[in-house]
Amino acid sequence: MKKHIFKNIEKGVALGLVCAAVLSFARFEARLDELRSGVLRLHILANSDSDADQELKLKVRDRILEVTKESLAQAEGLDEAIDIADGEMDKIIAAASEVVSSEGFTYNVSAAIEENFFENRDYGDFTLPAGVYNSLTVRIGDAKGHNWWCVVFPGICLPAAEKGRLEDTVSYASAKTAREAPKYKVRFKAAEIYERIRHKFSKK
């Protein structure tokens, strides 16, 4: 009789621990979801992996950040940032194309606001979790080279724009999670695996 009681207690404790772990991860994932929904990423795909094309990609990046910095700094939220970027798409493409041409290339340039999956990304002071993000995506030529990305809203891509803060677009708790990523290393990895699976099945 006592063994049966103890076994039931053990099962209850184990179930309680599992439920607590699930709830803890769910709260963590909710903070990560808020991070994902509070930023606009800049995503640039190079024509190829040649040194020249990769260098060109970075020059295009610098020019796009330059022409969008002031306007995106006026945005008070992600939706407004997307509207601003979308409204300036012709200017963005023209600026990128000008760089491509001035460097002696004839690649076509296209750009659009898209939803893309990104892996965990460490930006030094903070980490953005893996998942689907809104992004200003720029394709140079065949767009078959390694890509490059950063956060264009809030403006934290360049040292000159470091005044952009995650706290301006998401809650303090979510921003704190991003800045304390090393503390949550295992959870970030678990979340990345979870997001990969979720993204894979969402495309079916």
N, C-alpha and C. Protein backbone atom coordinates (compact mmCIF):
# COMPACT_ATOMS: atom_id res chain seq x y z
N MET A 1 0.83 -1.20 0.00
CA MET A 1 0.00 0.00 0.00
C MET A 1 0.87 1.26 0.00
N LYS A 2 1.89 1.26 0.89
CA LYS A 2 2.77 2.42 0.98
C LYS A 2 3.54 2.61 -0.33
N LYS A 3 4.01 1.49 -0.93
CA LYS A 3 4.74 1.58 -2.19
C LYS A 3 3.86 2.21 -3.27
N HIS A 4 2.59 1.82 -3.28
CA HIS A 4 1.65 2.35 -4.27
C HIS A 4 1.48 3.86 -4.09
N ILE A 5 1.39 4.30 -2.83
CA ILE A 5 1.24 5.73 -2.52
C ILE A 5 2.46 6.50 -2.96
N PHE A 6 3.65 5.93 -2.62
CA PHE A 6 4.91 6.59 -2.98
C PHE A 6 5.06 6.70 -4.51
N LYS A 7 4.64 5.63 -5.21
CA LYS A 7 4.73 5.66 -6.67
C LYS A 7 3.83 6.74 -7.25
N ASN A 8 2.64 6.89 -6.69
CA ASN A 8 1.72 7.93 -7.16
C ASN A 8 2.28 9.33 -6.89
N ILE A 9 2.93 9.46 -5.72
CA ILE A 9 3.55 10.75 -5.38
C ILE A 9 4.67 11.07 -6.36
N GLU A 10 5.50 10.05 -6.65
CA GLU A 10 6.60 10.23 -7.59
C GLU A 10 6.08 10.63 -8.97
N LYS A 11 5.02 9.97 -9.41
CA LYS A 11 4.42 10.30 -10.72
C LYS A 11 3.88 11.73 -10.71
N GLY A 12 3.26 12.10 -9.59
CA GLY A 12 2.72 13.45 -9.48
C GLY A 12 3.80 14.51 -9.51
N VAL A 13 4.90 14.24 -8.81
CA VAL A 13 6.02 15.18 -8.79
C VAL A 13 6.63 15.30 -10.18
N ALA A 14 6.81 14.14 -10.84
CA ALA A 14 7.40 14.14 -12.19
C ALA A 14 6.51 14.91 -13.16
N LEU A 15 5.22 14.68 -13.08
CA LEU A 15 4.27 15.38 -13.96
C LEU A 15 4.30 16.88 -13.68
N GLY A 16 4.40 17.21 -12.39
CA GLY A 16 4.46 18.63 -12.02
C GLY A 16 5.70 19.30 -12.57
N LEU A 17 6.83 18.59 -12.51
CA LEU A 17 8.08 19.14 -13.04
C LEU A 17 8.00 19.34 -14.55
N VAL A 18 7.39 18.35 -15.23
CA VAL A 18 7.24 18.46 -16.69
C VAL A 18 6.36 19.65 -17.04
N CYS A 19 5.23 19.79 -16.33
CA CYS A 19 4.31 20.90 -16.59
C CYS A 19 4.99 22.25 -16.34
N ALA A 20 5.78 22.30 -15.25
CA ALA A 20 6.49 23.54 -14.93
C ALA A 20 7.50 23.89 -16.03
N ALA A 21 8.20 22.87 -16.53
CA ALA A 21 9.18 23.09 -17.59
C ALA A 21 8.50 23.57 -18.87
N VAL A 22 7.35 22.96 -19.19
CA VAL A 22 6.61 23.35 -20.40
C VAL A 22 6.12 24.78 -20.28
N LEU A 23 5.57 25.12 -19.12
CA LEU A 23 5.06 26.48 -18.91
C LEU A 23 6.20 27.50 -18.95
N SER A 24 7.35 27.12 -18.38
CA SER A 24 8.50 28.02 -18.39
C SER A 24 8.97 28.27 -19.81
N PHE A 25 9.03 27.21 -20.63
CA PHE A 25 9.45 27.36 -22.03
C PHE A 25 8.43 28.18 -22.81
N ALA A 26 7.14 27.96 -22.50
CA ALA A 26 6.08 28.70 -23.20
C ALA A 26 6.21 30.20 -22.93
N ARG A 27 6.52 30.56 -21.67
CA ARG A 27 6.70 31.99 -21.34
C ARG A 27 7.93 32.55 -22.03
N PHE A 28 8.99 31.73 -22.07
CA PHE A 28 10.22 32.15 -22.75
C PHE A 28 9.96 32.35 -24.24
N GLU A 29 9.26 31.40 -24.85
CA GLU A 29 8.95 31.49 -26.27
C GLU A 29 8.07 32.69 -26.57
N ALA A 30 7.18 33.04 -25.64
CA ALA A 30 6.33 34.22 -25.83
C ALA A 30 7.17 35.49 -25.88
N ARG A 31 8.21 35.57 -25.03
CA ARG A 31 9.10 36.73 -25.07
C ARG A 31 9.87 36.78 -26.39
N LEU A 32 10.27 35.59 -26.88
CA LEU A 32 10.98 35.54 -28.15
C LEU A 32 10.07 35.94 -29.30
N ASP A 33 8.82 35.54 -29.23
CA ASP A 33 7.85 35.94 -30.27
C ASP A 33 7.70 37.44 -30.31
N GLU A 34 7.73 38.07 -29.15
CA GLU A 34 7.61 39.52 -29.11
C GLU A 34 8.83 40.17 -29.76
N LEU A 35 10.00 39.59 -29.51
CA LEU A 35 11.22 40.10 -30.16
C LEU A 35 11.11 40.00 -31.68
N ARG A 36 10.65 38.85 -32.14
CA ARG A 36 10.53 38.63 -33.58
C ARG A 36 9.55 39.62 -34.22
N SER A 37 8.52 39.96 -33.49
CA SER A 37 7.48 40.83 -34.06
C SER A 37 7.76 42.31 -33.82
N GLY A 38 8.93 42.64 -33.27
CA GLY A 38 9.22 44.03 -32.96
C GLY A 38 10.34 44.64 -33.79
N VAL A 39 10.92 43.86 -34.70
CA VAL A 39 12.05 44.37 -35.48
C VAL A 39 11.85 44.12 -36.97
N LEU A 40 12.51 44.95 -37.77
CA LEU A 40 12.56 44.76 -39.22
C LEU A 40 14.01 44.50 -39.59
N ARG A 41 14.28 43.40 -40.23
CA ARG A 41 15.65 43.03 -40.56
C ARG A 41 15.97 43.40 -42.00
N LEU A 42 17.22 43.73 -42.24
CA LEU A 42 17.72 43.98 -43.58
C LEU A 42 18.44 42.73 -44.04
N HIS A 43 18.03 42.20 -45.18
CA HIS A 43 18.54 40.92 -45.66
C HIS A 43 19.05 41.12 -47.09
N ILE A 44 20.34 40.99 -47.30
CA ILE A 44 20.94 41.23 -48.61
C ILE A 44 21.60 39.95 -49.12
N LEU A 45 21.22 39.54 -50.32
CA LEU A 45 21.79 38.34 -50.93
C LEU A 45 22.72 38.75 -52.06
N ALA A 46 23.97 38.34 -51.97
CA ALA A 46 24.98 38.67 -52.98
C ALA A 46 24.75 37.85 -54.24
N ASN A 47 25.30 38.33 -55.35
CA ASN A 47 25.19 37.61 -56.61
C ASN A 47 25.84 36.23 -56.52
N SER A 48 27.02 36.18 -55.89
CA SER A 48 27.74 34.91 -55.74
C SER A 48 28.65 35.01 -54.52
N ASP A 49 29.46 33.99 -54.32
CA ASP A 49 30.40 33.99 -53.19
C ASP A 49 31.79 34.46 -53.58
N SER A 50 31.93 35.02 -54.77
CA SER A 50 33.25 35.55 -55.15
C SER A 50 33.59 36.73 -54.25
N ASP A 51 34.87 36.99 -54.08
CA ASP A 51 35.30 38.10 -53.22
C ASP A 51 34.70 39.42 -53.70
N ALA A 52 34.69 39.61 -55.02
CA ALA A 52 34.17 40.87 -55.58
C ALA A 52 32.68 41.03 -55.29
N ASP A 53 31.92 39.95 -55.44
CA ASP A 53 30.47 40.03 -55.20
C ASP A 53 30.16 40.21 -53.72
N GLN A 54 30.95 39.58 -52.86
CA GLN A 54 30.74 39.73 -51.43
C GLN A 54 31.09 41.15 -50.97
N GLU A 55 32.14 41.71 -51.54
CA GLU A 55 32.50 43.09 -51.22
C GLU A 55 31.43 44.05 -51.72
N LEU A 56 30.89 43.78 -52.89
CA LEU A 56 29.82 44.61 -53.45
C LEU A 56 28.59 44.58 -52.55
N LYS A 57 28.28 43.41 -52.04
CA LYS A 57 27.14 43.25 -51.14
C LYS A 57 27.24 44.20 -49.95
N LEU A 58 28.42 44.31 -49.38
CA LEU A 58 28.62 45.17 -48.20
C LEU A 58 28.52 46.65 -48.57
N LYS A 59 28.94 46.99 -49.77
CA LYS A 59 28.82 48.39 -50.21
C LYS A 59 27.36 48.74 -50.45
N VAL A 60 26.60 47.78 -50.97
CA VAL A 60 25.16 47.98 -51.14
C VAL A 60 24.50 48.13 -49.78
N ARG A 61 24.91 47.30 -48.84
CA ARG A 61 24.39 47.41 -47.47
C ARG A 61 24.59 48.81 -46.91
N ASP A 62 25.82 49.31 -46.99
CA ASP A 62 26.13 50.62 -46.43
C ASP A 62 25.27 51.71 -47.05
N ARG A 63 25.06 51.62 -48.37
CA ARG A 63 24.27 52.63 -49.06
C ARG A 63 22.80 52.57 -48.66
N ILE A 64 22.27 51.38 -48.53
CA ILE A 64 20.86 51.23 -48.13
C ILE A 64 20.65 51.75 -46.72
N LEU A 65 21.57 51.43 -45.83
CA LEU A 65 21.46 51.93 -44.45
C LEU A 65 21.52 53.45 -44.42
N GLU A 66 22.33 53.99 -45.29
CA GLU A 66 22.47 55.45 -45.35
C GLU A 66 21.19 56.12 -45.81
N VAL A 67 20.53 55.57 -46.84
CA VAL A 67 19.34 56.22 -47.40
C VAL A 67 18.08 55.95 -46.59
N THR A 68 18.09 54.95 -45.74
CA THR A 68 16.88 54.63 -44.96
C THR A 68 16.97 55.04 -43.49
N LYS A 69 18.16 55.40 -43.03
CA LYS A 69 18.37 55.64 -41.60
C LYS A 69 17.44 56.72 -41.03
N GLU A 70 17.39 57.87 -41.68
CA GLU A 70 16.60 58.98 -41.14
C GLU A 70 15.11 58.69 -41.17
N SER A 71 14.61 58.15 -42.27
CA SER A 71 13.17 57.90 -42.37
C SER A 71 12.72 56.81 -41.41
N LEU A 72 13.48 55.73 -41.30
CA LEU A 72 13.09 54.65 -40.40
C LEU A 72 13.22 55.05 -38.93
N ALA A 73 14.07 56.01 -38.67
CA ALA A 73 14.22 56.50 -37.29
C ALA A 73 12.94 57.19 -36.80
N GLN A 74 12.10 57.61 -37.74
CA GLN A 74 10.85 58.28 -37.38
C GLN A 74 9.73 57.29 -37.04
N ALA A 75 9.91 56.03 -37.40
CA ALA A 75 8.87 55.03 -37.18
C ALA A 75 8.67 54.78 -35.68
N GLU A 76 7.44 54.64 -35.28
CA GLU A 76 7.12 54.40 -33.87
C GLU A 76 6.77 52.94 -33.60
N GLY A 77 6.82 52.12 -34.63
CA GLY A 77 6.52 50.70 -34.45
C GLY A 77 6.84 49.95 -35.72
N LEU A 78 6.78 48.63 -35.65
CA LEU A 78 7.15 47.80 -36.79
C LEU A 78 6.26 48.07 -38.00
N ASP A 79 4.95 48.15 -37.81
CA ASP A 79 4.05 48.38 -38.93
C ASP A 79 4.40 49.66 -39.67
N GLU A 80 4.70 50.71 -38.91
CA GLU A 80 5.06 51.98 -39.53
C GLU A 80 6.40 51.87 -40.24
N ALA A 81 7.34 51.14 -39.66
CA ALA A 81 8.64 50.95 -40.30
C ALA A 81 8.49 50.21 -41.63
N ILE A 82 7.63 49.20 -41.64
CA ILE A 82 7.38 48.46 -42.88
C ILE A 82 6.75 49.37 -43.93
N ASP A 83 5.79 50.17 -43.52
CA ASP A 83 5.14 51.10 -44.45
C ASP A 83 6.15 52.09 -45.04
N ILE A 84 7.04 52.59 -44.19
CA ILE A 84 8.05 53.54 -44.66
C ILE A 84 8.99 52.88 -45.66
N ALA A 85 9.49 51.69 -45.31
CA ALA A 85 10.41 50.98 -46.20
C ALA A 85 9.73 50.63 -47.52
N ASP A 86 8.48 50.20 -47.43
CA ASP A 86 7.73 49.84 -48.64
C ASP A 86 7.52 51.07 -49.52
N GLY A 87 7.24 52.21 -48.88
CA GLY A 87 7.02 53.44 -49.62
C GLY A 87 8.28 53.97 -50.27
N GLU A 88 9.44 53.57 -49.74
CA GLU A 88 10.72 54.04 -50.28
C GLU A 88 11.43 52.97 -51.10
N MET A 89 10.69 51.93 -51.51
CA MET A 89 11.32 50.81 -52.19
C MET A 89 12.02 51.23 -53.48
N ASP A 90 11.39 52.12 -54.25
CA ASP A 90 12.01 52.58 -55.50
C ASP A 90 13.35 53.29 -55.21
N LYS A 91 13.36 54.09 -54.13
CA LYS A 91 14.58 54.79 -53.75
C LYS A 91 15.65 53.81 -53.30
N ILE A 92 15.25 52.80 -52.58
CA ILE A 92 16.19 51.79 -52.09
C ILE A 92 16.81 51.02 -53.26
N ILE A 93 15.97 50.61 -54.20
CA ILE A 93 16.47 49.87 -55.36
C ILE A 93 17.39 50.76 -56.20
N ALA A 94 16.99 52.03 -56.37
CA ALA A 94 17.80 52.96 -57.16
C ALA A 94 19.17 53.17 -56.51
N ALA A 95 19.19 53.31 -55.18
CA ALA A 95 20.45 53.53 -54.47
C ALA A 95 21.36 52.31 -54.59
N ALA A 96 20.77 51.12 -54.43
CA ALA A 96 21.56 49.89 -54.55
C ALA A 96 22.08 49.71 -55.98
N SER A 97 21.22 50.01 -56.95
CA SER A 97 21.61 49.86 -58.36
C SER A 97 22.72 50.83 -58.71
N GLU A 98 22.69 52.02 -58.13
CA GLU A 98 23.73 53.01 -58.37
C GLU A 98 25.09 52.51 -57.89
N VAL A 99 25.09 51.86 -56.73
CA VAL A 99 26.34 51.29 -56.19
C VAL A 99 26.85 50.19 -57.12
N VAL A 100 25.94 49.31 -57.52
CA VAL A 100 26.32 48.20 -58.40
C VAL A 100 26.94 48.73 -59.69
N SER A 101 26.29 49.73 -60.28
CA SER A 101 26.78 50.31 -61.53
C SER A 101 28.12 51.02 -61.34
N SER A 102 28.23 51.77 -60.25
CA SER A 102 29.48 52.53 -60.01
C SER A 102 30.67 51.62 -59.77
N GLU A 103 30.40 50.38 -59.34
CA GLU A 103 31.47 49.41 -59.10
C GLU A 103 31.80 48.60 -60.36
N GLY A 104 31.10 48.94 -61.47
CA GLY A 104 31.41 48.29 -62.74
C GLY A 104 30.65 47.01 -63.03
N PHE A 105 29.56 46.75 -62.29
CA PHE A 105 28.77 45.54 -62.51
C PHE A 105 27.47 45.89 -63.22
N THR A 106 26.86 44.89 -63.84
CA THR A 106 25.59 45.10 -64.54
C THR A 106 24.46 44.29 -63.92
N TYR A 107 24.64 43.87 -62.68
CA TYR A 107 23.62 43.06 -62.02
C TYR A 107 22.32 43.83 -61.84
N ASN A 108 21.22 43.10 -61.98
CA ASN A 108 19.92 43.66 -61.65
C ASN A 108 19.74 43.63 -60.13
N VAL A 109 19.02 44.59 -59.60
CA VAL A 109 18.75 44.64 -58.15
C VAL A 109 17.24 44.66 -57.94
N SER A 110 16.77 43.83 -57.03
CA SER A 110 15.36 43.83 -56.65
C SER A 110 15.26 43.89 -55.13
N ALA A 111 14.13 44.37 -54.66
CA ALA A 111 13.94 44.47 -53.20
C ALA A 111 12.46 44.37 -52.88
N ALA A 112 12.17 43.84 -51.71
CA ALA A 112 10.77 43.69 -51.29
C ALA A 112 10.72 43.43 -49.78
N ILE A 113 9.57 43.71 -49.21
CA ILE A 113 9.33 43.33 -47.81
C ILE A 113 8.84 41.90 -47.81
N GLU A 114 9.54 41.03 -47.09
CA GLU A 114 9.20 39.61 -47.07
C GLU A 114 9.20 39.08 -45.64
N GLU A 115 8.76 37.85 -45.51
CA GLU A 115 8.91 37.11 -44.25
C GLU A 115 9.93 36.02 -44.50
N ASN A 116 11.01 36.03 -43.74
CA ASN A 116 12.09 35.05 -43.92
C ASN A 116 12.46 34.40 -42.60
N PHE A 117 12.92 33.16 -42.70
CA PHE A 117 13.39 32.45 -41.51
C PHE A 117 14.86 32.75 -41.28
N PHE A 118 15.20 33.10 -40.05
CA PHE A 118 16.59 33.39 -39.67
C PHE A 118 16.99 32.48 -38.51
N GLU A 119 18.25 32.10 -38.47
CA GLU A 119 18.78 31.33 -37.35
C GLU A 119 19.10 32.28 -36.19
N ASN A 120 19.44 31.70 -35.03
CA ASN A 120 19.89 32.53 -33.91
C ASN A 120 21.03 33.42 -34.40
N ARG A 121 21.00 34.68 -33.99
CA ARG A 121 22.04 35.61 -34.45
C ARG A 121 22.52 36.48 -33.30
N ASP A 122 23.82 36.40 -33.02
CA ASP A 122 24.42 37.18 -31.95
C ASP A 122 24.92 38.52 -32.51
N TYR A 123 24.45 39.63 -31.94
CA TYR A 123 24.87 40.95 -32.37
C TYR A 123 25.80 41.62 -31.35
N GLY A 124 26.40 40.82 -30.49
CA GLY A 124 27.33 41.38 -29.51
C GLY A 124 26.62 41.72 -28.21
N ASP A 125 25.85 42.82 -28.23
CA ASP A 125 25.14 43.24 -27.02
C ASP A 125 23.85 42.47 -26.81
N PHE A 126 23.36 41.83 -27.85
CA PHE A 126 22.11 41.09 -27.71
C PHE A 126 22.05 40.00 -28.77
N THR A 127 21.10 39.08 -28.62
CA THR A 127 20.91 37.99 -29.56
C THR A 127 19.46 37.97 -30.01
N LEU A 128 19.26 37.83 -31.31
CA LEU A 128 17.90 37.65 -31.81
C LEU A 128 17.67 36.16 -32.03
N PRO A 129 16.56 35.64 -31.56
CA PRO A 129 16.29 34.20 -31.65
C PRO A 129 15.92 33.78 -33.07
N ALA A 130 16.10 32.51 -33.35
CA ALA A 130 15.70 31.97 -34.65
C ALA A 130 14.19 32.11 -34.81
N GLY A 131 13.77 32.23 -36.07
CA GLY A 131 12.35 32.32 -36.34
C GLY A 131 12.07 33.11 -37.59
N VAL A 132 10.80 33.32 -37.86
CA VAL A 132 10.38 34.07 -39.04
C VAL A 132 10.27 35.54 -38.69
N TYR A 133 10.91 36.37 -39.49
CA TYR A 133 10.92 37.82 -39.27
C TYR A 133 10.47 38.54 -40.54
N ASN A 134 9.92 39.73 -40.34
CA ASN A 134 9.73 40.64 -41.46
C ASN A 134 11.10 41.17 -41.85
N SER A 135 11.36 41.23 -43.15
CA SER A 135 12.68 41.71 -43.58
C SER A 135 12.57 42.51 -44.87
N LEU A 136 13.43 43.51 -44.97
CA LEU A 136 13.64 44.23 -46.22
C LEU A 136 14.69 43.41 -46.95
N THR A 137 14.27 42.65 -47.95
CA THR A 137 15.15 41.71 -48.64
C THR A 137 15.61 42.29 -49.97
N VAL A 138 16.91 42.35 -50.15
CA VAL A 138 17.52 42.91 -51.37
C VAL A 138 18.30 41.80 -52.07
N ARG A 139 18.01 41.60 -53.34
CA ARG A 139 18.69 40.58 -54.13
C ARG A 139 19.54 41.24 -55.20
N ILE A 140 20.81 40.85 -55.24
CA ILE A 140 21.75 41.39 -56.23
C ILE A 140 22.04 40.30 -57.26
N GLY A 141 21.75 40.58 -58.53
CA GLY A 141 22.02 39.62 -59.59
C GLY A 141 21.32 38.29 -59.36
N ASP A 142 22.09 37.20 -59.41
CA ASP A 142 21.51 35.86 -59.23
C ASP A 142 21.16 35.56 -57.78
N ALA A 143 21.64 36.37 -56.86
CA ALA A 143 21.34 36.21 -55.42
C ALA A 143 21.66 34.79 -54.93
N LYS A 144 22.78 34.25 -55.39
CA LYS A 144 23.16 32.90 -54.99
C LYS A 144 24.34 32.88 -54.02
N GLY A 145 24.82 34.05 -53.63
CA GLY A 145 25.94 34.11 -52.70
C GLY A 145 25.48 34.14 -51.25
N HIS A 146 26.44 34.08 -50.34
CA HIS A 146 26.11 34.17 -48.92
C HIS A 146 25.38 35.48 -48.65
N ASN A 147 24.42 35.40 -47.77
CA ASN A 147 23.64 36.60 -47.47
C ASN A 147 24.21 37.33 -46.27
N TRP A 148 23.64 38.46 -46.00
CA TRP A 148 24.04 39.29 -44.86
C TRP A 148 22.78 39.89 -44.29
N TRP A 149 22.72 39.99 -42.96
CA TRP A 149 21.52 40.60 -42.38
C TRP A 149 21.85 41.33 -41.10
N CYS A 150 20.97 42.25 -40.74
CA CYS A 150 21.08 42.96 -39.48
C CYS A 150 19.69 43.49 -39.14
N VAL A 151 19.60 44.36 -38.18
CA VAL A 151 18.32 44.95 -37.79
C VAL A 151 18.28 46.39 -38.28
N VAL A 152 17.34 46.68 -39.18
CA VAL A 152 17.23 48.03 -39.73
C VAL A 152 16.22 48.87 -38.94
N PHE A 153 15.33 48.21 -38.20
CA PHE A 153 14.44 48.89 -37.27
C PHE A 153 14.25 48.02 -36.05
N PRO A 154 14.56 48.54 -34.84
CA PRO A 154 15.17 49.84 -34.60
C PRO A 154 16.59 49.89 -35.18
N GLY A 155 17.11 51.11 -35.39
CA GLY A 155 18.35 51.28 -36.13
C GLY A 155 19.58 50.86 -35.36
N ILE A 156 19.92 49.57 -35.41
CA ILE A 156 21.10 49.10 -34.67
C ILE A 156 22.04 48.33 -35.58
N CYS A 157 22.01 48.65 -36.89
CA CYS A 157 22.93 47.98 -37.83
C CYS A 157 24.33 48.56 -37.78
N LEU A 158 24.42 49.88 -37.60
CA LEU A 158 25.70 50.56 -37.67
C LEU A 158 26.03 51.26 -36.37
N PRO A 159 27.33 51.45 -36.08
CA PRO A 159 27.70 52.21 -34.89
C PRO A 159 27.06 53.58 -34.85
N ALA A 160 26.88 54.18 -36.03
CA ALA A 160 26.29 55.52 -36.10
C ALA A 160 24.83 55.50 -35.70
N ALA A 161 24.24 54.32 -35.66
CA ALA A 161 22.81 54.24 -35.36
C ALA A 161 22.55 53.47 -34.08
N GLU A 162 23.55 53.40 -33.21
CA GLU A 162 23.42 52.58 -32.01
C GLU A 162 22.42 53.11 -30.99
N LYS A 163 21.87 54.29 -31.23
CA LYS A 163 20.88 54.81 -30.31
C LYS A 163 19.57 54.04 -30.41
N GLY A 164 19.40 53.28 -31.54
CA GLY A 164 18.22 52.45 -31.65
C GLY A 164 18.25 51.39 -30.56
N ARG A 165 17.14 51.19 -29.87
CA ARG A 165 17.12 50.26 -28.75
C ARG A 165 15.98 49.27 -28.90
N LEU A 166 16.21 48.03 -28.52
CA LEU A 166 15.14 47.05 -28.55
C LEU A 166 14.01 47.46 -27.61
N GLU A 167 14.38 48.12 -26.51
CA GLU A 167 13.36 48.54 -25.54
C GLU A 167 12.36 49.52 -26.14
N ASP A 168 12.70 50.14 -27.27
CA ASP A 168 11.80 51.09 -27.92
C ASP A 168 10.71 50.38 -28.70
N THR A 169 10.89 49.09 -28.99
CA THR A 169 9.92 48.40 -29.82
C THR A 169 9.30 47.16 -29.15
N VAL A 170 9.93 46.66 -28.10
CA VAL A 170 9.38 45.51 -27.38
C VAL A 170 9.43 45.79 -25.88
N SER A 171 8.85 44.90 -25.11
CA SER A 171 8.81 45.10 -23.66
C SER A 171 10.19 44.96 -23.06
N TYR A 172 10.32 45.48 -21.86
CA TYR A 172 11.60 45.40 -21.14
C TYR A 172 12.00 43.94 -20.94
N ALA A 173 11.02 43.08 -20.62
CA ALA A 173 11.31 41.66 -20.37
C ALA A 173 11.89 40.98 -21.60
N SER A 174 11.31 41.29 -22.78
CA SER A 174 11.80 40.68 -24.02
C SER A 174 13.18 41.21 -24.38
N ALA A 175 13.38 42.51 -24.23
CA ALA A 175 14.69 43.09 -24.53
C ALA A 175 15.74 42.54 -23.58
N LYS A 176 15.37 42.36 -22.32
CA LYS A 176 16.30 41.83 -21.32
C LYS A 176 16.69 40.39 -21.68
N THR A 177 15.73 39.63 -22.18
CA THR A 177 16.02 38.26 -22.61
C THR A 177 17.05 38.24 -23.72
N ALA A 178 16.89 39.16 -24.69
CA ALA A 178 17.83 39.23 -25.82
C ALA A 178 19.22 39.60 -25.34
N ARG A 179 19.30 40.49 -24.35
CA ARG A 179 20.60 40.96 -23.88
C ARG A 179 21.26 39.96 -22.93
N GLU A 180 20.48 39.06 -22.37
CA GLU A 180 21.04 38.06 -21.46
C GLU A 180 21.06 36.69 -22.11
N ALA A 181 21.19 36.66 -23.44
CA ALA A 181 21.14 35.41 -24.19
C ALA A 181 22.09 34.32 -23.68
N PRO A 182 23.36 34.66 -23.32
CA PRO A 182 24.26 33.61 -22.84
C PRO A 182 23.69 32.86 -21.62
N LYS A 183 22.93 33.57 -20.83
CA LYS A 183 22.31 32.98 -19.65
C LYS A 183 21.27 31.93 -20.05
N TYR A 184 20.67 32.14 -21.23
CA TYR A 184 19.61 31.24 -21.70
C TYR A 184 20.07 30.41 -22.90
N LYS A 185 21.36 30.10 -22.97
CA LYS A 185 21.94 29.44 -24.13
C LYS A 185 21.18 28.18 -24.52
N VAL A 186 20.89 27.33 -23.55
CA VAL A 186 20.19 26.07 -23.84
C VAL A 186 18.78 26.35 -24.33
N ARG A 187 18.12 27.31 -23.70
CA ARG A 187 16.74 27.63 -24.11
C ARG A 187 16.72 28.23 -25.51
N PHE A 188 17.69 29.08 -25.83
CA PHE A 188 17.75 29.65 -27.17
C PHE A 188 17.93 28.54 -28.21
N LYS A 189 18.78 27.56 -27.89
CA LYS A 189 19.01 26.45 -28.82
C LYS A 189 17.74 25.62 -28.96
N ALA A 190 17.07 25.37 -27.85
CA ALA A 190 15.82 24.61 -27.90
C ALA A 190 14.77 25.34 -28.72
N ALA A 191 14.72 26.67 -28.53
CA ALA A 191 13.77 27.48 -29.28
C ALA A 191 14.09 27.47 -30.77
N GLU A 192 15.39 27.45 -31.10
CA GLU A 192 15.80 27.41 -32.50
C GLU A 192 15.33 26.12 -33.15
N ILE A 193 15.51 25.00 -32.46
CA ILE A 193 15.07 23.71 -32.98
C ILE A 193 13.56 23.70 -33.16
N TYR A 194 12.86 24.23 -32.15
CA TYR A 194 11.40 24.30 -32.20
C TYR A 194 10.94 25.14 -33.39
N GLU A 195 11.58 26.29 -33.59
CA GLU A 195 11.20 27.18 -34.69
C GLU A 195 11.51 26.56 -36.05
N ARG A 196 12.61 25.83 -36.16
CA ARG A 196 12.93 25.15 -37.41
C ARG A 196 11.82 24.16 -37.78
N ILE A 197 11.40 23.38 -36.79
CA ILE A 197 10.34 22.39 -37.02
C ILE A 197 9.04 23.09 -37.38
N ARG A 198 8.71 24.14 -36.64
CA ARG A 198 7.46 24.87 -36.90
C ARG A 198 7.47 25.49 -38.28
N HIS A 199 8.62 26.06 -38.67
CA HIS A 199 8.74 26.69 -39.98
C HIS A 199 8.64 25.63 -41.09
N LYS A 200 9.26 24.47 -40.88
CA LYS A 200 9.24 23.40 -41.87
C LYS A 200 7.81 22.94 -42.14
N PHE A 201 7.05 22.74 -41.07
CA PHE A 201 5.68 22.25 -41.25
C PHE A 201 4.73 23.34 -41.73
N SER A 202 5.05 24.60 -41.46
CA SER A 202 4.17 25.69 -41.90
C SER A 202 4.23 25.87 -43.42
N LYS A 203 5.32 25.38 -44.05
CA LYS A 203 5.46 25.52 -45.49
C LYS A 203 4.78 24.38 -46.25
N LYS A 204 4.31 23.37 -45.53
CA LYS A 204 3.67 22.22 -46.19
C LYS A 204 2.19 22.49 -46.44
